[in-house]
């Protein structure tokens, strides 16, 4: 049984200069805005709010470098200015000019290394497929 109208991610990956360099198993995204209240003398409450800048923070889990990126010596710690692309059946979401702010790795003997990367993006663009 499928639920219509609830698009899920079919592909999540990091991109540098239009080239896919790593795939991501899962992500979570958070946008925050630094809005400010405008106060007026003699008023008990603010008279308006002024929108501030929006910050996009993403938590990526289990990143796997592509074979080509591995051959080219990709190092997650040296990544900067990359894009995160999330493909959904009805649209594509692109977070651009990304910088990582936190990388953590955990592993046990015999298990695959799990990496979590926190990314801050300058822009979020949503396009139809």
C-alpha atoms as a PDB file:
ATOM      1  CA  UNK A   1       0.000   0.000   0.000  1.00  0.00           C
ATOM      2  CA  UNK A   2       1.488   3.363  -0.964  1.00  0.00           C
ATOM      3  CA  UNK A   3       0.488   6.785   0.253  1.00  0.00           C
ATOM      4  CA  UNK A   4      -0.072   9.205  -2.607  1.00  0.00           C
ATOM      5  CA  UNK A   5       1.228  12.749  -2.295  1.00  0.00           C
ATOM      6  CA  UNK A   6       3.939  11.954   0.244  1.00  0.00           C
ATOM      7  CA  UNK A   7       7.196  12.104  -1.729  1.00  0.00           C
ATOM      8  CA  UNK A   8      10.233  10.476  -0.169  1.00  0.00           C
ATOM      9  CA  UNK A   9      13.879  11.007  -1.016  1.00  0.00           C
ATOM     10  CA  UNK A  10      15.085   8.767  -3.818  1.00  0.00           C
ATOM     11  CA  UNK A  11      18.633  10.111  -3.988  1.00  0.00           C
ATOM     12  CA  UNK A  12      20.703  12.263  -1.620  1.00  0.00           C
ATOM     13  CA  UNK A  13      24.234  13.250  -2.569  1.00  0.00           C
ATOM     14  CA  UNK A  14      27.049  15.777  -2.289  1.00  0.00           C
ATOM     15  CA  UNK A  15      28.112  17.561  -5.437  1.00  0.00           C
ATOM     16  CA  UNK A  16      31.174  19.621  -6.322  1.00  0.00           C
ATOM     17  CA  UNK A  17      31.176  21.566  -9.604  1.00  0.00           C
ATOM     18  CA  UNK A  18      28.274  19.469 -10.903  1.00  0.00           C
ATOM     19  CA  UNK A  19      29.969  16.129 -10.102  1.00  0.00           C
ATOM     20  CA  UNK A  20      28.508  13.677  -7.567  1.00  0.00           C
ATOM     21  CA  UNK A  21      31.278  12.957  -5.024  1.00  0.00           C
ATOM     22  CA  UNK A  22      29.399  11.163  -2.227  1.00  0.00           C
ATOM     23  CA  UNK A  23      26.024   9.627  -1.472  1.00  0.00           C
ATOM     24  CA  UNK A  24      24.231  10.167   1.821  1.00  0.00           C
ATOM     25  CA  UNK A  25      22.041   7.569   3.505  1.00  0.00           C
ATOM     26  CA  UNK A  26      19.882  10.018   5.470  1.00  0.00           C
ATOM     27  CA  UNK A  27      19.569  13.655   6.429  1.00  0.00           C
ATOM     28  CA  UNK A  28      17.674  16.073   8.614  1.00  0.00           C
ATOM     29  CA  UNK A  29      17.311  19.757   7.796  1.00  0.00           C
ATOM     30  CA  UNK A  30      16.645  22.754  10.002  1.00  0.00           C
ATOM     31  CA  UNK A  31      16.122  26.369   8.954  1.00  0.00           C
ATOM     32  CA  UNK A  32      16.298  29.215  11.436  1.00  0.00           C
ATOM     33  CA  UNK A  33      15.787  32.949  11.058  1.00  0.00           C
ATOM     34  CA  UNK A  34      17.093  35.811  13.176  1.00  0.00           C
ATOM     35  CA  UNK A  35      14.048  38.097  13.138  1.00  0.00           C
ATOM     36  CA  UNK A  36      13.950  41.193  15.359  1.00  0.00           C
ATOM     37  CA  UNK A  37      11.104  43.054  17.012  1.00  0.00           C
ATOM     38  CA  UNK A  38      10.753  46.794  16.317  1.00  0.00           C
ATOM     39  CA  UNK A  39       9.852  48.727  19.430  1.00  0.00           C
ATOM     40  CA  UNK A  40       8.323  52.182  19.556  1.00  0.00           C
ATOM     41  CA  UNK A  41       8.549  54.630  22.431  1.00  0.00           C
ATOM     42  CA  UNK A  42       5.428  54.508  24.581  1.00  0.00           C
ATOM     43  CA  UNK A  43       4.111  51.224  23.126  1.00  0.00           C
ATOM     44  CA  UNK A  44       3.631  48.215  25.421  1.00  0.00           C
ATOM     45  CA  UNK A  45       4.292  45.732  22.593  1.00  0.00           C
ATOM     46  CA  UNK A  46       6.472  45.734  19.470  1.00  0.00           C
ATOM     47  CA  UNK A  47       4.959  47.531  16.484  1.00  0.00           C
ATOM     48  CA  UNK A  48       6.501  45.236  13.850  1.00  0.00           C
ATOM     49  CA  UNK A  49       9.042  42.520  13.205  1.00  0.00           C
ATOM     50  CA  UNK A  50      11.886  42.698  10.729  1.00  0.00           C
ATOM     51  CA  UNK A  51      12.930  39.450   9.064  1.00  0.00           C
ATOM     52  CA  UNK A  52      16.583  38.531   9.435  1.00  0.00           C
ATOM     53  CA  UNK A  53      18.895  36.114   7.668  1.00  0.00           C
ATOM     54  CA  UNK A  54      17.979  32.463   7.260  1.00  0.00           C
ATOM     55  CA  UNK A  55      20.474  29.768   8.223  1.00  0.00           C
ATOM     56  CA  UNK A  56      20.181  26.211   6.877  1.00  0.00           C
ATOM     57  CA  UNK A  57      21.745  23.485   9.026  1.00  0.00           C
ATOM     58  CA  UNK A  58      21.742  19.868   7.877  1.00  0.00           C
ATOM     59  CA  UNK A  59      22.715  16.693   9.665  1.00  0.00           C
ATOM     60  CA  UNK A  60      23.963  14.033   7.221  1.00  0.00           C
ATOM     61  CA  UNK A  61      24.346  10.386   8.231  1.00  0.00           C
ATOM     62  CA  UNK A  62      26.475   7.720   6.561  1.00  0.00           C
ATOM     63  CA  UNK A  63      28.339   9.353   3.728  1.00  0.00           C
ATOM     64  CA  UNK A  64      29.914   7.124   1.090  1.00  0.00           C
ATOM     65  CA  UNK A  65      32.384   8.592  -1.395  1.00  0.00           C
ATOM     66  CA  UNK A  66      31.886   7.612  -5.040  1.00  0.00           C
ATOM     67  CA  UNK A  67      34.545   5.395  -6.665  1.00  0.00           C
ATOM     68  CA  UNK A  68      35.712   8.332  -8.795  1.00  0.00           C
ATOM     69  CA  UNK A  69      35.995  10.627  -5.766  1.00  0.00           C
ATOM     70  CA  UNK A  70      37.998   7.961  -3.902  1.00  0.00           C
ATOM     71  CA  UNK A  71      40.384   7.678  -6.876  1.00  0.00           C
ATOM     72  CA  UNK A  72      40.685  11.487  -6.844  1.00  0.00           C
ATOM     73  CA  UNK A  73      41.580  11.385  -3.127  1.00  0.00           C
ATOM     74  CA  UNK A  74      38.392  12.894  -1.679  1.00  0.00           C
ATOM     75  CA  UNK A  75      38.807  13.916   1.949  1.00  0.00           C
ATOM     76  CA  UNK A  76      35.607  14.899   3.777  1.00  0.00           C
ATOM     77  CA  UNK A  77      37.650  17.132   6.104  1.00  0.00           C
ATOM     78  CA  UNK A  78      38.844  19.290   3.195  1.00  0.00           C
ATOM     79  CA  UNK A  79      35.415  19.756   1.577  1.00  0.00           C
ATOM     80  CA  UNK A  80      34.111  23.309   1.211  1.00  0.00           C
ATOM     81  CA  UNK A  81      31.829  25.158  -1.175  1.00  0.00           C
ATOM     82  CA  UNK A  82      29.924  21.986  -2.103  1.00  0.00           C
ATOM     83  CA  UNK A  83      26.197  21.383  -2.685  1.00  0.00           C
ATOM     84  CA  UNK A  84      23.805  18.910  -1.099  1.00  0.00           C
ATOM     85  CA  UNK A  85      21.199  17.627  -3.554  1.00  0.00           C
ATOM     86  CA  UNK A  86      18.029  15.884  -2.382  1.00  0.00           C
ATOM     87  CA  UNK A  87      15.984  14.297  -5.167  1.00  0.00           C
ATOM     88  CA  UNK A  88      12.315  13.642  -4.496  1.00  0.00           C
ATOM     89  CA  UNK A  89       9.819  12.252  -7.012  1.00  0.00           C
ATOM     90  CA  UNK A  90       8.200  15.653  -7.608  1.00  0.00           C
ATOM     91  CA  UNK A  91      11.073  18.087  -6.972  1.00  0.00           C
ATOM     92  CA  UNK A  92      14.759  18.595  -6.297  1.00  0.00           C
ATOM     93  CA  UNK A  93      16.105  20.524  -3.301  1.00  0.00           C
ATOM     94  CA  UNK A  94      19.605  21.973  -3.566  1.00  0.00           C
ATOM     95  CA  UNK A  95      21.512  23.421  -0.634  1.00  0.00           C
ATOM     96  CA  UNK A  96      24.459  25.349  -2.066  1.00  0.00           C
ATOM     97  CA  UNK A  97      27.740  26.872  -0.908  1.00  0.00           C
ATOM     98  CA  UNK A  98      27.934  24.365   1.950  1.00  0.00           C
ATOM     99  CA  UNK A  99      30.600  24.185   4.648  1.00  0.00           C
ATOM    100  CA  UNK A 100      30.875  21.446   7.230  1.00  0.00           C
ATOM    101  CA  UNK A 101      30.756  22.511  10.876  1.00  0.00           C
ATOM    102  CA  UNK A 102      31.081  19.122  12.586  1.00  0.00           C
ATOM    103  CA  UNK A 103      32.265  15.671  11.527  1.00  0.00           C
ATOM    104  CA  UNK A 104      32.036  12.681  13.842  1.00  0.00           C
ATOM    105  CA  UNK A 105      32.946   9.058  13.279  1.00  0.00           C
ATOM    106  CA  UNK A 106      32.164   5.989  15.348  1.00  0.00           C
ATOM    107  CA  UNK A 107      33.088   2.422  14.641  1.00  0.00           C
ATOM    108  CA  UNK A 108      33.574  -0.944  16.214  1.00  0.00           C
ATOM    109  CA  UNK A 109      35.768  -3.796  15.097  1.00  0.00           C
ATOM    110  CA  UNK A 110      34.238  -5.485  12.080  1.00  0.00           C
ATOM    111  CA  UNK A 111      31.559  -2.837  11.589  1.00  0.00           C
ATOM    112  CA  UNK A 112      31.324  -0.174   8.938  1.00  0.00           C
ATOM    113  CA  UNK A 113      32.438   3.294  10.024  1.00  0.00           C
ATOM    114  CA  UNK A 114      29.465   5.606  10.476  1.00  0.00           C
ATOM    115  CA  UNK A 115      30.050   9.279   9.827  1.00  0.00           C
ATOM    116  CA  UNK A 116      27.782  12.134  10.800  1.00  0.00           C
ATOM    117  CA  UNK A 117      28.446  15.473   9.191  1.00  0.00           C
ATOM    118  CA  UNK A 118      26.768  18.725  10.168  1.00  0.00           C
ATOM    119  CA  UNK A 119      26.612  21.139   7.248  1.00  0.00           C
ATOM    120  CA  UNK A 120      25.720  24.826   7.073  1.00  0.00           C
ATOM    121  CA  UNK A 121      24.393  26.022   3.696  1.00  0.00           C
ATOM    122  CA  UNK A 122      24.136  29.549   2.326  1.00  0.00           C
ATOM    123  CA  UNK A 123      21.166  28.924   0.014  1.00  0.00           C
ATOM    124  CA  UNK A 124      18.227  26.555  -0.428  1.00  0.00           C
ATOM    125  CA  UNK A 125      16.658  26.234  -3.872  1.00  0.00           C
ATOM    126  CA  UNK A 126      13.683  24.033  -4.737  1.00  0.00           C
ATOM    127  CA  UNK A 127      12.972  23.128  -8.356  1.00  0.00           C
ATOM    128  CA  UNK A 128      10.394  20.968 -10.115  1.00  0.00           C
ATOM    129  CA  UNK A 129      11.702  17.779 -11.646  1.00  0.00           C
END
